[in-house]
PDB file of N, CA and C in Angstrom:
ATOM      1  N   MET A   1      94.934 140.591  76.310  1.00  0.00           N
ATOM      2  CA  MET A   1      96.003 140.901  77.253  1.00  0.00           C
ATOM      3  C   MET A   1      97.344 140.941  76.547  1.00  0.00           C
ATOM      4  N   THR A   2      98.165 141.866  76.706  1.00  0.00           N
ATOM      5  CA  THR A   2      99.492 141.971  76.086  1.00  0.00           C
ATOM      6  C   THR A   2     100.532 141.399  76.924  1.00  0.00           C
ATOM      7  N   ARG A   3     101.339 140.665  76.268  1.00  0.00           N
ATOM      8  CA  ARG A   3     102.535 139.952  77.132  1.00  0.00           C
ATOM      9  C   ARG A   3     103.504 140.987  77.541  1.00  0.00           C
ATOM     10  N   ARG A   4     103.818 141.297  78.649  1.00  0.00           N
ATOM     11  CA  ARG A   4     104.991 142.142  79.099  1.00  0.00           C
ATOM     12  C   ARG A   4     106.359 141.483  78.797  1.00  0.00           C
ATOM     13  N   ARG A   5     107.240 142.205  78.320  1.00  0.00           N
ATOM     14  CA  ARG A   5     108.510 141.767  78.131  1.00  0.00           C
ATOM     15  C   ARG A   5     109.501 142.155  79.153  1.00  0.00           C
ATOM     16  N   ARG A   6     110.352 141.121  79.517  1.00  0.00           N
ATOM     17  CA  ARG A   6     111.332 141.489  80.665  1.00  0.00           C
ATOM     18  C   ARG A   6     112.527 142.282  79.797  1.00  0.00           C
ATOM     19  N   ARG A   7     113.121 143.151  80.600  1.00  0.00           N
ATOM     20  CA  ARG A   7     114.297 143.764  80.002  1.00  0.00           C
ATOM     21  C   ARG A   7     115.559 143.540  80.957  1.00  0.00           C
ATOM     22  N   VAL A   8     116.550 143.218  80.246  1.00  0.00           N
ATOM     23  CA  VAL A   8     117.885 142.887  80.951  1.00  0.00           C
ATOM     24  C   VAL A   8     118.477 144.409  81.247  1.00  0.00           C
ATOM     25  N   VAL A   9     118.779 144.336  82.504  1.00  0.00           N
ATOM     26  CA  VAL A   9     119.380 145.607  83.103  1.00  0.00           C
ATOM     27  C   VAL A   9     120.979 145.376  82.987  1.00  0.00           C
ATOM     28  N   ALA A  10     121.402 144.257  83.472  1.00  0.00           N
ATOM     29  CA  ALA A  10     122.874 143.928  83.473  1.00  0.00           C
ATOM     30  C   ALA A  10     123.137 142.533  83.062  1.00  0.00           C
ATOM     31  N   LEU A  11     124.140 142.337  82.373  1.00  0.00           N
ATOM     32  CA  LEU A  11     124.534 140.939  81.882  1.00  0.00           C
ATOM     33  C   LEU A  11     125.853 140.616  82.646  1.00  0.00           C
ATOM     34  N   SER A  12     126.111 139.437  82.928  1.00  0.00           N
ATOM     35  CA  SER A  12     127.269 138.828  83.433  1.00  0.00           C
ATOM     36  C   SER A  12     128.488 138.992  82.497  1.00  0.00           C
ATOM     37  N   SER A  13     129.591 138.933  82.722  1.00  0.00           N
ATOM     38  CA  SER A  13     130.663 138.984  81.776  1.00  0.00           C
ATOM     39  C   SER A  13     130.563 137.767  80.873  1.00  0.00           C
ATOM     40  N   ARG A  14     130.250 136.583  81.387  1.00  0.00           N
ATOM     41  CA  ARG A  14     130.120 135.446  80.598  1.00  0.00           C
ATOM     42  C   ARG A  14     128.914 135.652  79.510  1.00  0.00           C
ATOM     43  N   ASP A  15     127.844 136.159  79.883  1.00  0.00           N
ATOM     44  CA  ASP A  15     126.698 136.395  79.039  1.00  0.00           C
ATOM     45  C   ASP A  15     127.121 137.512  78.108  1.00  0.00           C
ATOM     46  N   GLN A  16     127.888 138.581  78.449  1.00  0.00           N
ATOM     47  CA  GLN A  16     128.395 139.578  77.482  1.00  0.00           C
ATOM     48  C   GLN A  16     129.236 138.915  76.420  1.00  0.00           C
ATOM     49  N   GLU A  17     129.989 138.016  76.803  1.00  0.00           N
ATOM     50  CA  GLU A  17     130.845 137.320  75.714  1.00  0.00           C
ATOM     51  C   GLU A  17     129.964 136.481  74.827  1.00  0.00           C
ATOM     52  N   ARG A  18     129.032 135.721  75.303  1.00  0.00           N
ATOM     53  CA  ARG A  18     127.965 135.055  74.481  1.00  0.00           C
ATOM     54  C   ARG A  18     127.247 135.997  73.458  1.00  0.00           C
ATOM     55  N   VAL A  19     126.787 137.129  73.990  1.00  0.00           N
ATOM     56  CA  VAL A  19     126.121 138.084  73.195  1.00  0.00           C
ATOM     57  C   VAL A  19     126.945 138.528  72.134  1.00  0.00           C
ATOM     58  N   ALA A  20     128.238 138.832  72.554  1.00  0.00           N
ATOM     59  CA  ALA A  20     129.296 139.273  71.439  1.00  0.00           C
ATOM     60  C   ALA A  20     129.495 138.318  70.364  1.00  0.00           C
ATOM     61  N   ARG A  21     129.523 137.035  70.686  1.00  0.00           N
ATOM     62  CA  ARG A  21     129.641 135.889  69.705  1.00  0.00           C
ATOM     63  C   ARG A  21     128.417 135.792  68.955  1.00  0.00           C
ATOM     64  N   GLY A  22     127.304 136.298  69.263  1.00  0.00           N
ATOM     65  CA  GLY A  22     125.935 136.077  68.616  1.00  0.00           C
ATOM     66  C   GLY A  22     125.154 135.076  69.125  1.00  0.00           C
ATOM     67  N   GLU A  23     125.570 134.523  70.391  1.00  0.00           N
ATOM     68  CA  GLU A  23     124.679 133.461  71.031  1.00  0.00           C
ATOM     69  C   GLU A  23     123.731 134.041  71.971  1.00  0.00           C
ATOM     70  N   SER A  24     122.747 133.317  72.221  1.00  0.00           N
ATOM     71  CA  SER A  24     121.605 133.845  73.096  1.00  0.00           C
ATOM     72  C   SER A  24     121.761 133.212  74.412  1.00  0.00           C
ATOM     73  N   PRO A  25     121.995 134.007  75.592  1.00  0.00           N
ATOM     74  CA  PRO A  25     122.178 133.375  76.981  1.00  0.00           C
ATOM     75  C   PRO A  25     120.927 132.630  77.288  1.00  0.00           C
ATOM     76  N   GLU A  26     119.808 132.777  76.721  1.00  0.00           N
ATOM     77  CA  GLU A  26     118.627 132.053  77.128  1.00  0.00           C
ATOM     78  C   GLU A  26     118.684 130.686  76.575  1.00  0.00           C
ATOM     79  N   ASP A  27     119.369 130.333  75.471  1.00  0.00           N
ATOM     80  CA  ASP A  27     119.561 129.039  75.048  1.00  0.00           C
ATOM     81  C   ASP A  27     120.131 128.110  75.996  1.00  0.00           C
ATOM     82  N   LEU A  28     121.027 128.542  76.753  1.00  0.00           N
ATOM     83  CA  LEU A  28     121.576 127.664  77.836  1.00  0.00           C
ATOM     84  C   LEU A  28     120.704 127.391  79.025  1.00  0.00           C
ATOM     85  N   ALA A  29     119.703 128.213  79.229  1.00  0.00           N
ATOM     86  CA  ALA A  29     118.813 127.944  80.239  1.00  0.00           C
ATOM     87  C   ALA A  29     117.629 127.098  79.951  1.00  0.00           C
ATOM     88  N   ARG A  30     117.391 126.844  78.776  1.00  0.00           N
ATOM     89  CA  ARG A  30     116.312 126.034  78.314  1.00  0.00           C
ATOM     90  C   ARG A  30     116.647 124.478  78.677  1.00  0.00           C
ATOM     91  N   ALA A  31     115.548 123.738  78.869  1.00  0.00           N
ATOM     92  CA  ALA A  31     115.693 122.372  79.180  1.00  0.00           C
ATOM     93  C   ALA A  31     115.994 121.562  78.049  1.00  0.00           C
ATOM     94  N   ASP A  32     116.773 120.583  78.289  1.00  0.00           N
ATOM     95  CA  ASP A  32     117.300 119.689  77.119  1.00  0.00           C
ATOM     96  C   ASP A  32     116.466 118.331  77.363  1.00  0.00           C
ATOM     97  N   TYR A  33     115.246 118.185  76.834  1.00  0.00           N
ATOM     98  CA  TYR A  33     114.380 117.094  77.109  1.00  0.00           C
ATOM     99  C   TYR A  33     115.002 115.858  76.558  1.00  0.00           C
ATOM    100  N   GLU A  34     115.833 115.914  75.436  1.00  0.00           N
ATOM    101  CA  GLU A  34     116.247 114.612  74.727  1.00  0.00           C
ATOM    102  C   GLU A  34     117.417 114.090  75.589  1.00  0.00           C
ATOM    103  N   HIS A  35     118.115 114.928  76.532  1.00  0.00           N
ATOM    104  CA  HIS A  35     119.267 114.426  77.347  1.00  0.00           C
ATOM    105  C   HIS A  35     119.108 114.545  78.715  1.00  0.00           C
ATOM    106  N   ASP A  36     117.952 114.659  79.281  1.00  0.00           N
ATOM    107  CA  ASP A  36     117.845 114.912  80.622  1.00  0.00           C
ATOM    108  C   ASP A  36     118.023 113.740  81.551  1.00  0.00           C
ATOM    109  N   ALA A  37     118.221 113.904  82.797  1.00  0.00           N
ATOM    110  CA  ALA A  37     118.560 112.731  83.728  1.00  0.00           C
ATOM    111  C   ALA A  37     117.518 111.629  83.755  1.00  0.00           C
ATOM    112  N   LEU A  38     116.335 112.099  83.499  1.00  0.00           N
ATOM    113  CA  LEU A  38     115.223 111.100  83.734  1.00  0.00           C
ATOM    114  C   LEU A  38     114.848 110.217  82.515  1.00  0.00           C
ATOM    115  N   SER A  39     115.458 110.521  81.355  1.00  0.00           N
ATOM    116  CA  SER A  39     115.157 109.869  80.057  1.00  0.00           C
ATOM    117  C   SER A  39     116.198 108.744  79.896  1.00  0.00           C
ATOM    118  N   GLY A  40     116.854 108.215  80.962  1.00  0.00           N
ATOM    119  CA  GLY A  40     117.824 107.276  80.771  1.00  0.00           C
ATOM    120  C   GLY A  40     117.282 105.800  80.560  1.00  0.00           C
ATOM    121  N   PRO A  41     117.771 104.837  80.884  1.00  0.00           N
ATOM    122  CA  PRO A  41     117.272 103.347  80.732  1.00  0.00           C
ATOM    123  C   PRO A  41     116.105 103.100  81.458  1.00  0.00           C
ATOM    124  N   ALA A  42     115.913 103.711  82.596  1.00  0.00           N
ATOM    125  CA  ALA A  42     114.643 103.575  83.594  1.00  0.00           C
ATOM    126  C   ALA A  42     113.486 104.378  83.014  1.00  0.00           C
ATOM    127  N   GLU A  43     113.666 105.397  82.235  1.00  0.00           N
ATOM    128  CA  GLU A  43     112.612 106.111  81.644  1.00  0.00           C
ATOM    129  C   GLU A  43     111.883 106.983  82.778  1.00  0.00           C
ATOM    130  N   GLY A  44     112.621 107.464  83.675  1.00  0.00           N
ATOM    131  CA  GLY A  44     111.953 108.223  84.743  1.00  0.00           C
ATOM    132  C   GLY A  44     112.064 107.513  86.066  1.00  0.00           C
ATOM    133  N   LEU A  45     111.634 108.113  87.062  1.00  0.00           N
ATOM    134  CA  LEU A  45     111.737 107.555  88.406  1.00  0.00           C
ATOM    135  C   LEU A  45     110.704 106.579  88.732  1.00  0.00           C
ATOM    136  N   ASP A  46     109.485 106.572  87.958  1.00  0.00           N
ATOM    137  CA  ASP A  46     108.507 105.676  88.372  1.00  0.00           C
ATOM    138  C   ASP A  46     108.675 104.331  87.694  1.00  0.00           C
ATOM    139  N   ALA A  47     109.479 104.179  86.717  1.00  0.00           N
ATOM    140  CA  ALA A  47     109.649 102.919  85.991  1.00  0.00           C
ATOM    141  C   ALA A  47     110.865 102.156  86.670  1.00  0.00           C
ATOM    142  N   PRO A  48     110.820 100.940  86.928  1.00  0.00           N
ATOM    143  CA  PRO A  48     112.044 100.233  87.503  1.00  0.00           C
ATOM    144  C   PRO A  48     113.088  99.997  86.496  1.00  0.00           C
ATOM    145  N   ALA A  49     114.374  99.994  86.938  1.00  0.00           N
ATOM    146  CA  ALA A  49     115.456  99.724  85.925  1.00  0.00           C
ATOM    147  C   ALA A  49     115.329  98.295  85.593  1.00  0.00           C
ATOM    148  N   PRO A  50     115.594  98.050  84.219  1.00  0.00           N
ATOM    149  CA  PRO A  50     115.437  96.703  83.777  1.00  0.00           C
ATOM    150  C   PRO A  50     116.642  95.793  84.329  1.00  0.00           C
ATOM    151  N   GLY A  51     116.183  94.517  84.644  1.00  0.00           N
ATOM    152  CA  GLY A  51     117.217  93.626  85.048  1.00  0.00           C
ATOM    153  C   GLY A  51     117.310  93.548  86.732  1.00  0.00           C
ATOM    154  N   GLY A  52     117.749  94.804  87.171  1.00  0.00           N
ATOM    155  CA  GLY A  52     117.954  94.812  88.596  1.00  0.00           C
ATOM    156  C   GLY A  52     119.260  94.299  89.156  1.00  0.00           C
ATOM    157  N   ALA A  53     120.077  93.765  88.176  1.00  0.00           N
ATOM    158  CA  ALA A  53     121.331  93.185  88.570  1.00  0.00           C
ATOM    159  C   ALA A  53     122.255  94.404  88.960  1.00  0.00           C
ATOM    160  N   GLY A  54     122.903  94.249  90.107  1.00  0.00           N
ATOM    161  CA  GLY A  54     123.895  95.359  90.445  1.00  0.00           C
ATOM    162  C   GLY A  54     123.243  96.514  91.076  1.00  0.00           C
ATOM    163  N   SER A  55     121.813  96.403  91.224  1.00  0.00           N
ATOM    164  CA  SER A  55     121.224  97.537  91.853  1.00  0.00           C
ATOM    165  C   SER A  55     121.115  97.401  93.462  1.00  0.00           C
ATOM    166  N   ASN A  56     120.391  98.277  93.875  1.00  0.00           N
ATOM    167  CA  ASN A  56     120.361  98.354  95.352  1.00  0.00           C
ATOM    168  C   ASN A  56     119.137  97.622  95.826  1.00  0.00           C
ATOM    169  N   ASP A  57     118.325  97.071  94.919  1.00  0.00           N
ATOM    170  CA  ASP A  57     117.008  96.488  95.352  1.00  0.00           C
ATOM    171  C   ASP A  57     117.211  95.353  96.305  1.00  0.00           C
ATOM    172  N   ALA A  58     118.260  94.436  96.031  1.00  0.00           N
ATOM    173  CA  ALA A  58     118.407  93.296  96.947  1.00  0.00           C
ATOM    174  C   ALA A  58     118.776  93.694  98.322  1.00  0.00           C
ATOM    175  N   ARG A  59     119.571  94.668  98.467  1.00  0.00           N
ATOM    176  CA  ARG A  59     119.942  95.165  99.937  1.00  0.00           C
ATOM    177  C   ARG A  59     118.807  95.671 100.506  1.00  0.00           C
ATOM    178  N   LEU A  60     117.875  96.542  99.797  1.00  0.00           N
ATOM    179  CA  LEU A  60     116.916  97.115 100.457  1.00  0.00           C
ATOM    180  C   LEU A  60     115.896  96.026 100.975  1.00  0.00           C
ATOM    181  N   ARG A  61     115.743  94.968 100.188  1.00  0.00           N
ATOM    182  CA  ARG A  61     114.744  94.040 100.478  1.00  0.00           C
ATOM    183  C   ARG A  61     115.228  93.217 101.675  1.00  0.00           C
ATOM    184  N   ARG A  62     116.612  92.960 101.723  1.00  0.00           N
ATOM    185  CA  ARG A  62     117.103  92.313 102.933  1.00  0.00           C
ATOM    186  C   ARG A  62     117.115  93.063 104.243  1.00  0.00           C
ATOM    187  N   ASP A  63     117.364  94.345 104.129  1.00  0.00           N
ATOM    188  CA  ASP A  63     117.537  95.082 105.169  1.00  0.00           C
ATOM    189  C   ASP A  63     116.117  95.834 105.703  1.00  0.00           C
ATOM    190  N   VAL A  64     115.043  95.136 105.543  1.00  0.00           N
ATOM    191  CA  VAL A  64     113.707  95.629 105.933  1.00  0.00           C
ATOM    192  C   VAL A  64     113.654  95.684 107.502  1.00  0.00           C
ATOM    193  N   PRO A  65     113.171  96.819 108.090  1.00  0.00           N
ATOM    194  CA  PRO A  65     113.063  96.827 109.518  1.00  0.00           C
ATOM    195  C   PRO A  65     112.095  95.904 109.963  1.00  0.00           C
ATOM    196  N   PRO A  66     112.147  95.332 111.281  1.00  0.00           N
ATOM    197  CA  PRO A  66     111.317  94.322 111.730  1.00  0.00           C
ATOM    198  C   PRO A  66     109.743  94.679 111.777  1.00  0.00           C
ATOM    199  N   HIS A  67     109.541  96.036 112.072  1.00  0.00           N
ATOM    200  CA  HIS A  67     108.185  96.410 112.006  1.00  0.00           C
ATOM    201  C   HIS A  67     107.451  96.483 110.790  1.00  0.00           C
ATOM    202  N   TRP A  68     108.185  96.323 109.668  1.00  0.00           N
ATOM    203  CA  TRP A  68     107.642  96.236 108.388  1.00  0.00           C
ATOM    204  C   TRP A  68     107.119  94.836 107.990  1.00  0.00           C
ATOM    205  N   GLY A  69     107.343  93.852 108.714  1.00  0.00           N
ATOM    206  CA  GLY A  69     107.076  92.446 108.465  1.00  0.00           C
ATOM    207  C   GLY A  69     108.091  91.808 107.706  1.00  0.00           C
TER     208      GLY A  69
END
């Protein structure tokens, strides 16, 4: 199976400037996995932040609704 290529019909003025400078507009659309929001100190949403000091955890534990025990 051959891969179909997409063809650009129109470029925005900003992308036209990038192409004129020799840059690829697609480079800006690629994900930056080294500096994304989930690779911070908590290493993603599933891992707890170290320490917990200054976090929202204490308030959340204190403000538990009565039906949650």
